[in-house]
């Protein structure tokens, strides 16, 4: 898993917009109706998400994962026996930082 923004960042509609509030004397239901009208009929609090081409490709690829390994990790976390390897995490963070710096220098 890579950390950082890729060249192609997914767009999220409505991100950062303040939720609609009813005007003075207006009911909360009326405020929700106004918000739905502003968002093209979507319910208040809903967000439209557009996946990047990379995410779409990953979903379409039906990439397999090791379900047994996932279950073993899940069980170890639940049992409190899962151990984090800080050296491996540090090494991967450093490698990722180097990769990002190399991309920016070219």
C-alpha atoms as a PDB file:
ATOM      1  CA  UNK A   1       0.000   0.000   0.000  1.00  0.00           C
ATOM      2  CA  UNK A   2       1.407   3.341  -1.031  1.00  0.00           C
ATOM      3  CA  UNK A   3       0.982   6.445   1.080  1.00  0.00           C
ATOM      4  CA  UNK A   4       0.493   9.822  -0.549  1.00  0.00           C
ATOM      5  CA  UNK A   5      -1.506  11.290  -3.361  1.00  0.00           C
ATOM      6  CA  UNK A   6      -1.194   9.676  -6.720  1.00  0.00           C
ATOM      7  CA  UNK A   7      -1.061  11.648  -9.922  1.00  0.00           C
ATOM      8  CA  UNK A   8      -4.727  10.867 -10.432  1.00  0.00           C
ATOM      9  CA  UNK A   9      -6.726  11.691  -7.301  1.00  0.00           C
ATOM     10  CA  UNK A  10     -10.353  10.537  -7.013  1.00  0.00           C
ATOM     11  CA  UNK A  11     -12.865  13.361  -6.966  1.00  0.00           C
ATOM     12  CA  UNK A  12     -15.520  13.515  -4.280  1.00  0.00           C
ATOM     13  CA  UNK A  13     -18.536  15.688  -5.016  1.00  0.00           C
ATOM     14  CA  UNK A  14     -19.807  17.701  -2.099  1.00  0.00           C
ATOM     15  CA  UNK A  15     -16.577  17.299  -0.126  1.00  0.00           C
ATOM     16  CA  UNK A  16     -16.058  20.232   2.190  1.00  0.00           C
ATOM     17  CA  UNK A  17     -19.505  21.682   1.623  1.00  0.00           C
ATOM     18  CA  UNK A  18     -21.357  22.721   4.738  1.00  0.00           C
ATOM     19  CA  UNK A  19     -24.525  20.735   5.457  1.00  0.00           C
ATOM     20  CA  UNK A  20     -27.739  22.564   4.685  1.00  0.00           C
ATOM     21  CA  UNK A  21     -29.477  24.037   7.728  1.00  0.00           C
ATOM     22  CA  UNK A  22     -33.094  25.117   7.893  1.00  0.00           C
ATOM     23  CA  UNK A  23     -33.703  28.849   7.864  1.00  0.00           C
ATOM     24  CA  UNK A  24     -35.271  30.557  10.864  1.00  0.00           C
ATOM     25  CA  UNK A  25     -38.843  29.331  11.241  1.00  0.00           C
ATOM     26  CA  UNK A  26     -38.283  26.469   8.783  1.00  0.00           C
ATOM     27  CA  UNK A  27     -38.617  22.876   9.945  1.00  0.00           C
ATOM     28  CA  UNK A  28     -35.723  20.438   9.806  1.00  0.00           C
ATOM     29  CA  UNK A  29     -37.682  18.351   7.265  1.00  0.00           C
ATOM     30  CA  UNK A  30     -38.020  21.393   5.017  1.00  0.00           C
ATOM     31  CA  UNK A  31     -34.269  21.969   5.346  1.00  0.00           C
ATOM     32  CA  UNK A  32     -33.611  18.375   4.285  1.00  0.00           C
ATOM     33  CA  UNK A  33     -35.920  18.817   1.301  1.00  0.00           C
ATOM     34  CA  UNK A  34     -34.036  21.955   0.287  1.00  0.00           C
ATOM     35  CA  UNK A  35     -30.722  20.095   0.637  1.00  0.00           C
ATOM     36  CA  UNK A  36     -32.039  17.237  -1.499  1.00  0.00           C
ATOM     37  CA  UNK A  37     -33.150  19.714  -4.163  1.00  0.00           C
ATOM     38  CA  UNK A  38     -29.680  21.323  -4.159  1.00  0.00           C
ATOM     39  CA  UNK A  39     -27.963  17.953  -4.630  1.00  0.00           C
ATOM     40  CA  UNK A  40     -30.165  16.791  -7.462  1.00  0.00           C
ATOM     41  CA  UNK A  41     -32.543  14.804  -5.287  1.00  0.00           C
ATOM     42  CA  UNK A  42     -29.956  13.038  -3.167  1.00  0.00           C
ATOM     43  CA  UNK A  43     -30.793  12.758   0.504  1.00  0.00           C
ATOM     44  CA  UNK A  44     -29.073  15.130   2.904  1.00  0.00           C
ATOM     45  CA  UNK A  45     -25.798  13.671   4.104  1.00  0.00           C
ATOM     46  CA  UNK A  46     -25.267  11.571   0.991  1.00  0.00           C
ATOM     47  CA  UNK A  47     -22.156  12.040  -1.093  1.00  0.00           C
ATOM     48  CA  UNK A  48     -21.386  11.143  -4.680  1.00  0.00           C
ATOM     49  CA  UNK A  49     -18.021   9.457  -5.118  1.00  0.00           C
ATOM     50  CA  UNK A  50     -16.170   9.116  -8.423  1.00  0.00           C
ATOM     51  CA  UNK A  51     -13.529   6.384  -8.481  1.00  0.00           C
ATOM     52  CA  UNK A  52     -10.225   6.957 -10.213  1.00  0.00           C
ATOM     53  CA  UNK A  53      -9.333   4.806 -13.198  1.00  0.00           C
ATOM     54  CA  UNK A  54      -6.845   2.967 -10.978  1.00  0.00           C
ATOM     55  CA  UNK A  55      -9.502   2.101  -8.398  1.00  0.00           C
ATOM     56  CA  UNK A  56     -11.909   1.048 -11.137  1.00  0.00           C
ATOM     57  CA  UNK A  57      -9.246  -1.202 -12.674  1.00  0.00           C
ATOM     58  CA  UNK A  58      -8.488  -2.784  -9.298  1.00  0.00           C
ATOM     59  CA  UNK A  59     -12.165  -3.491  -8.715  1.00  0.00           C
ATOM     60  CA  UNK A  60     -12.545  -4.940 -12.210  1.00  0.00           C
ATOM     61  CA  UNK A  61      -9.471  -7.171 -11.863  1.00  0.00           C
ATOM     62  CA  UNK A  62     -11.097  -9.282  -9.142  1.00  0.00           C
ATOM     63  CA  UNK A  63      -7.737  -9.365  -7.383  1.00  0.00           C
ATOM     64  CA  UNK A  64      -7.630 -12.327  -5.057  1.00  0.00           C
ATOM     65  CA  UNK A  65      -6.472 -12.162  -1.483  1.00  0.00           C
ATOM     66  CA  UNK A  66      -5.487 -14.811   1.016  1.00  0.00           C
ATOM     67  CA  UNK A  67      -8.668 -15.182   3.073  1.00  0.00           C
ATOM     68  CA  UNK A  68      -6.934 -17.544   5.512  1.00  0.00           C
ATOM     69  CA  UNK A  69      -4.178 -15.010   6.170  1.00  0.00           C
ATOM     70  CA  UNK A  70      -6.746 -12.252   6.691  1.00  0.00           C
ATOM     71  CA  UNK A  71      -8.681 -14.445   9.125  1.00  0.00           C
ATOM     72  CA  UNK A  72      -5.488 -15.370  11.003  1.00  0.00           C
ATOM     73  CA  UNK A  73      -4.571 -11.697  11.387  1.00  0.00           C
ATOM     74  CA  UNK A  74      -8.126 -10.828  12.426  1.00  0.00           C
ATOM     75  CA  UNK A  75      -8.048 -13.584  15.055  1.00  0.00           C
ATOM     76  CA  UNK A  76      -4.610 -12.505  16.336  1.00  0.00           C
ATOM     77  CA  UNK A  77      -5.881  -8.936  16.735  1.00  0.00           C
ATOM     78  CA  UNK A  78      -8.989 -10.182  18.547  1.00  0.00           C
ATOM     79  CA  UNK A  79      -6.852 -12.376  20.830  1.00  0.00           C
ATOM     80  CA  UNK A  80      -4.407  -9.561  21.501  1.00  0.00           C
ATOM     81  CA  UNK A  81      -1.498 -11.586  20.135  1.00  0.00           C
ATOM     82  CA  UNK A  82      -0.897  -9.611  16.919  1.00  0.00           C
ATOM     83  CA  UNK A  83       2.550  -8.040  16.983  1.00  0.00           C
ATOM     84  CA  UNK A  84       3.501  -5.043  14.900  1.00  0.00           C
ATOM     85  CA  UNK A  85       6.977  -5.017  13.364  1.00  0.00           C
ATOM     86  CA  UNK A  86       8.085  -1.379  13.731  1.00  0.00           C
ATOM     87  CA  UNK A  87      11.294  -1.969  11.724  1.00  0.00           C
ATOM     88  CA  UNK A  88       9.325  -3.221   8.709  1.00  0.00           C
ATOM     89  CA  UNK A  89       6.937  -0.265   8.952  1.00  0.00           C
ATOM     90  CA  UNK A  90       9.840   2.197   9.191  1.00  0.00           C
ATOM     91  CA  UNK A  91      11.609   0.591   6.228  1.00  0.00           C
ATOM     92  CA  UNK A  92       8.489   0.804   4.065  1.00  0.00           C
ATOM     93  CA  UNK A  93       7.815   4.416   5.088  1.00  0.00           C
ATOM     94  CA  UNK A  94      11.376   5.376   4.164  1.00  0.00           C
ATOM     95  CA  UNK A  95      11.145   3.530   0.836  1.00  0.00           C
ATOM     96  CA  UNK A  96       7.856   5.274   0.086  1.00  0.00           C
ATOM     97  CA  UNK A  97       9.324   8.680   0.946  1.00  0.00           C
ATOM     98  CA  UNK A  98      12.301   8.005  -1.323  1.00  0.00           C
ATOM     99  CA  UNK A  99       9.974   6.998  -4.155  1.00  0.00           C
ATOM    100  CA  UNK A 100       7.927  10.186  -3.743  1.00  0.00           C
ATOM    101  CA  UNK A 101      11.062  12.343  -3.660  1.00  0.00           C
ATOM    102  CA  UNK A 102      12.437  10.619  -6.766  1.00  0.00           C
ATOM    103  CA  UNK A 103       9.184  11.298  -8.644  1.00  0.00           C
ATOM    104  CA  UNK A 104       9.273  14.988  -7.726  1.00  0.00           C
ATOM    105  CA  UNK A 105      12.917  15.441  -8.727  1.00  0.00           C
ATOM    106  CA  UNK A 106      12.314  14.165 -12.291  1.00  0.00           C
END
